[in-house]
Amino acid sequence: QSKGKKPLFVQLVLDNIWSLYEAVMKRDKEKVEKIVTSLGLRIGARESRHADPKVHLNAICSQWLPISDAVLSMVCNKIPSPLDITAERVEKLMCVGARTFDSLPPETRELKSAFMKCSSEETAPVIVFVSKMFPVDAKALPQNKPR
């Protein structure tokens, strides 16, 4: 960078995104058409003629860089494998609130081994973990309540 050279990420990724953004926002039809054809995209006439250039930009980007593919590949690459989970973590996931693993019914405790195997056999039980997060004001947390 000290010699005026751009980092590789800027050259290969950011410059391309920025040039697309500028071409669409400035309504440079020739440059946009060249970009769309070089990427092999098919943009509908409705999006191309829309009064808001952001609609056109969204149509191009959703085909060129679909967020669903990016999120799925990130999850596959970054989230640890379920086979690497520890027994203690399985017990914590199976227990709700103040309950302990030993207080669960025997049928539920037997699922721990199936949970850790992650088997796809026909006879293996299907285990689904549903989680929901609720936004809570920091003042409502127990450690922040006045005494």
Protein backbone atom coordinates (compact mmCIF):
# COMPACT_ATOMS: atom_id res chain seq x y z
CA GLN A 1 0.00 0.00 0.00
CA SER A 2 2.90 2.37 0.63
CA LYS A 3 3.85 2.17 -3.07
CA GLY A 4 0.32 2.96 -4.19
CA LYS A 5 -0.67 -0.63 -4.86
CA LYS A 6 -4.07 -1.85 -3.75
CA PRO A 7 -4.49 -4.97 -1.62
CA LEU A 8 -5.50 -8.07 -3.57
CA PHE A 9 -8.98 -8.21 -1.97
CA VAL A 10 -9.63 -4.63 -3.06
CA GLN A 11 -8.44 -5.33 -6.61
CA LEU A 12 -10.39 -8.56 -7.11
CA VAL A 13 -13.54 -8.02 -5.07
CA LEU A 14 -14.25 -4.50 -3.86
CA ASP A 15 -13.34 -2.69 -7.06
CA ASN A 16 -15.71 -4.88 -9.06
CA ILE A 17 -18.58 -4.34 -6.63
CA TRP A 18 -17.90 -0.62 -6.49
CA SER A 19 -17.78 -0.25 -10.29
CA LEU A 20 -21.12 -2.06 -10.58
CA TYR A 21 -22.60 0.17 -7.90
CA GLU A 22 -21.37 3.37 -9.58
CA ALA A 23 -22.55 2.26 -13.03
CA VAL A 24 -26.06 1.46 -11.79
CA MET A 25 -26.40 4.58 -9.64
CA LYS A 26 -25.14 6.87 -12.42
CA ARG A 27 -27.41 5.02 -14.88
CA ASP A 28 -24.57 4.23 -17.28
CA LYS A 29 -26.57 1.76 -19.41
CA GLU A 30 -23.65 0.72 -21.62
CA LYS A 31 -21.39 -0.16 -18.69
CA VAL A 32 -24.21 -1.94 -16.81
CA GLU A 33 -25.07 -3.95 -19.92
CA LYS A 34 -21.42 -4.90 -20.38
CA ILE A 35 -21.17 -6.05 -16.74
CA VAL A 36 -24.43 -8.02 -16.92
CA THR A 37 -23.45 -9.81 -20.12
CA SER A 38 -19.92 -10.57 -18.88
CA LEU A 39 -21.40 -12.12 -15.72
CA GLY A 40 -23.96 -14.07 -17.74
CA LEU A 41 -26.96 -12.69 -15.83
CA ARG A 42 -30.52 -12.22 -17.01
CA ILE A 43 -32.12 -9.09 -15.64
CA GLY A 44 -35.78 -8.51 -16.34
CA ALA A 45 -36.91 -5.44 -18.27
CA ARG A 46 -39.07 -4.40 -15.33
CA GLU A 47 -36.07 -4.15 -12.99
CA SER A 48 -33.94 -2.45 -15.65
CA ARG A 49 -36.48 0.30 -16.31
CA HIS A 50 -37.49 0.86 -12.68
CA ALA A 51 -37.27 4.47 -11.46
CA ASP A 52 -35.26 3.47 -8.38
CA PRO A 53 -31.72 2.36 -9.36
CA LYS A 54 -31.51 0.30 -6.16
CA VAL A 55 -34.10 -2.12 -7.60
CA HIS A 56 -31.84 -2.67 -10.63
CA LEU A 57 -28.79 -3.05 -8.37
CA ASN A 58 -30.63 -5.54 -6.17
CA ALA A 59 -31.68 -7.60 -9.20
CA ILE A 60 -28.08 -7.80 -10.42
CA CYS A 61 -26.52 -8.54 -7.04
CA SER A 62 -29.10 -11.17 -6.10
CA GLN A 63 -28.12 -13.17 -9.19
CA TRP A 64 -24.40 -12.43 -9.13
CA LEU A 65 -23.77 -12.80 -5.39
CA PRO A 66 -26.76 -14.64 -3.87
CA ILE A 67 -26.73 -14.28 -0.10
CA SER A 68 -28.22 -17.74 0.48
CA ASP A 69 -25.16 -19.41 -1.06
CA ALA A 70 -22.81 -17.21 0.94
CA VAL A 71 -24.57 -17.91 4.24
CA LEU A 72 -24.79 -21.65 3.61
CA SER A 73 -21.11 -21.94 2.67
CA MET A 74 -20.13 -19.84 5.70
CA VAL A 75 -22.16 -22.09 8.00
CA CYS A 76 -20.63 -25.22 6.48
CA ASN A 77 -17.10 -23.84 6.78
CA LYS A 78 -17.25 -22.11 10.16
CA ILE A 79 -19.74 -23.98 12.37
CA PRO A 80 -18.08 -26.95 14.06
CA SER A 81 -19.19 -30.44 13.11
CA PRO A 82 -21.88 -31.95 15.36
CA LEU A 83 -19.63 -34.99 15.69
CA ASP A 84 -17.12 -32.85 17.61
CA ILE A 85 -19.60 -31.94 20.37
CA THR A 86 -18.69 -32.88 23.95
CA ALA A 87 -20.90 -34.97 26.23
CA GLU A 88 -21.25 -32.04 28.64
CA ARG A 89 -22.47 -29.78 25.85
CA VAL A 90 -25.08 -32.37 24.79
CA GLU A 91 -26.35 -32.54 28.35
CA LYS A 92 -26.63 -28.74 28.52
CA LEU A 93 -28.55 -28.65 25.23
CA MET A 94 -30.96 -31.33 26.40
CA CYS A 95 -31.70 -29.68 29.76
CA VAL A 96 -34.01 -26.71 30.06
CA GLY A 97 -33.61 -24.13 32.78
CA ALA A 98 -32.48 -25.42 36.17
CA ARG A 99 -33.14 -29.09 35.36
CA THR A 100 -30.22 -31.47 35.47
CA PHE A 101 -29.54 -34.23 32.97
CA ASP A 102 -30.11 -36.90 35.63
CA SER A 103 -33.63 -35.59 36.28
CA LEU A 104 -34.72 -36.27 32.69
CA PRO A 105 -36.79 -39.38 31.91
CA PRO A 106 -34.72 -42.48 30.99
CA GLU A 107 -36.01 -42.40 27.38
CA THR A 108 -34.69 -38.85 26.98
CA ARG A 109 -31.32 -39.68 28.54
CA GLU A 110 -30.93 -42.55 26.06
CA LEU A 111 -31.05 -40.00 23.24
CA LYS A 112 -27.67 -38.60 24.35
CA SER A 113 -25.73 -41.36 22.56
CA ALA A 114 -27.82 -40.91 19.39
CA PHE A 115 -27.26 -37.16 19.64
CA MET A 116 -23.49 -37.64 19.76
CA LYS A 117 -23.40 -40.21 16.91
CA CYS A 118 -25.37 -38.07 14.42
CA SER A 119 -26.33 -41.22 12.58
CA SER A 120 -28.38 -41.09 9.38
CA GLU A 121 -29.53 -44.72 9.57
CA GLU A 122 -33.18 -45.58 9.08
CA THR A 123 -33.50 -46.80 12.69
CA ALA A 124 -31.77 -43.80 14.25
CA PRO A 125 -34.02 -41.36 16.08
CA VAL A 126 -34.64 -37.95 14.58
CA ILE A 127 -33.51 -35.21 16.94
CA VAL A 128 -34.48 -31.60 16.34
CA PHE A 129 -33.14 -28.72 18.39
CA VAL A 130 -35.25 -25.56 18.31
CA SER A 131 -33.84 -22.38 19.73
CA LYS A 132 -35.40 -18.97 20.00
CA MET A 133 -33.66 -15.86 21.21
CA PHE A 134 -35.48 -12.91 22.70
CA PRO A 135 -34.01 -9.43 22.83
CA VAL A 136 -33.92 -8.25 26.43
CA ASP A 137 -33.04 -4.82 27.69
CA ALA A 138 -29.78 -4.89 29.64
CA LYS A 139 -31.53 -3.31 32.62
CA ALA A 140 -33.84 -6.34 32.87
CA LEU A 141 -30.97 -8.81 33.36
CA PRO A 142 -30.63 -10.10 36.94
CA GLN A 143 -27.12 -8.72 37.44
CA ASN A 144 -28.30 -5.21 36.48
CA LYS A 145 -31.45 -5.04 38.62
CA PRO A 146 -31.29 -2.66 41.57
CA ARG A 147 -31.31 -4.36 44.93
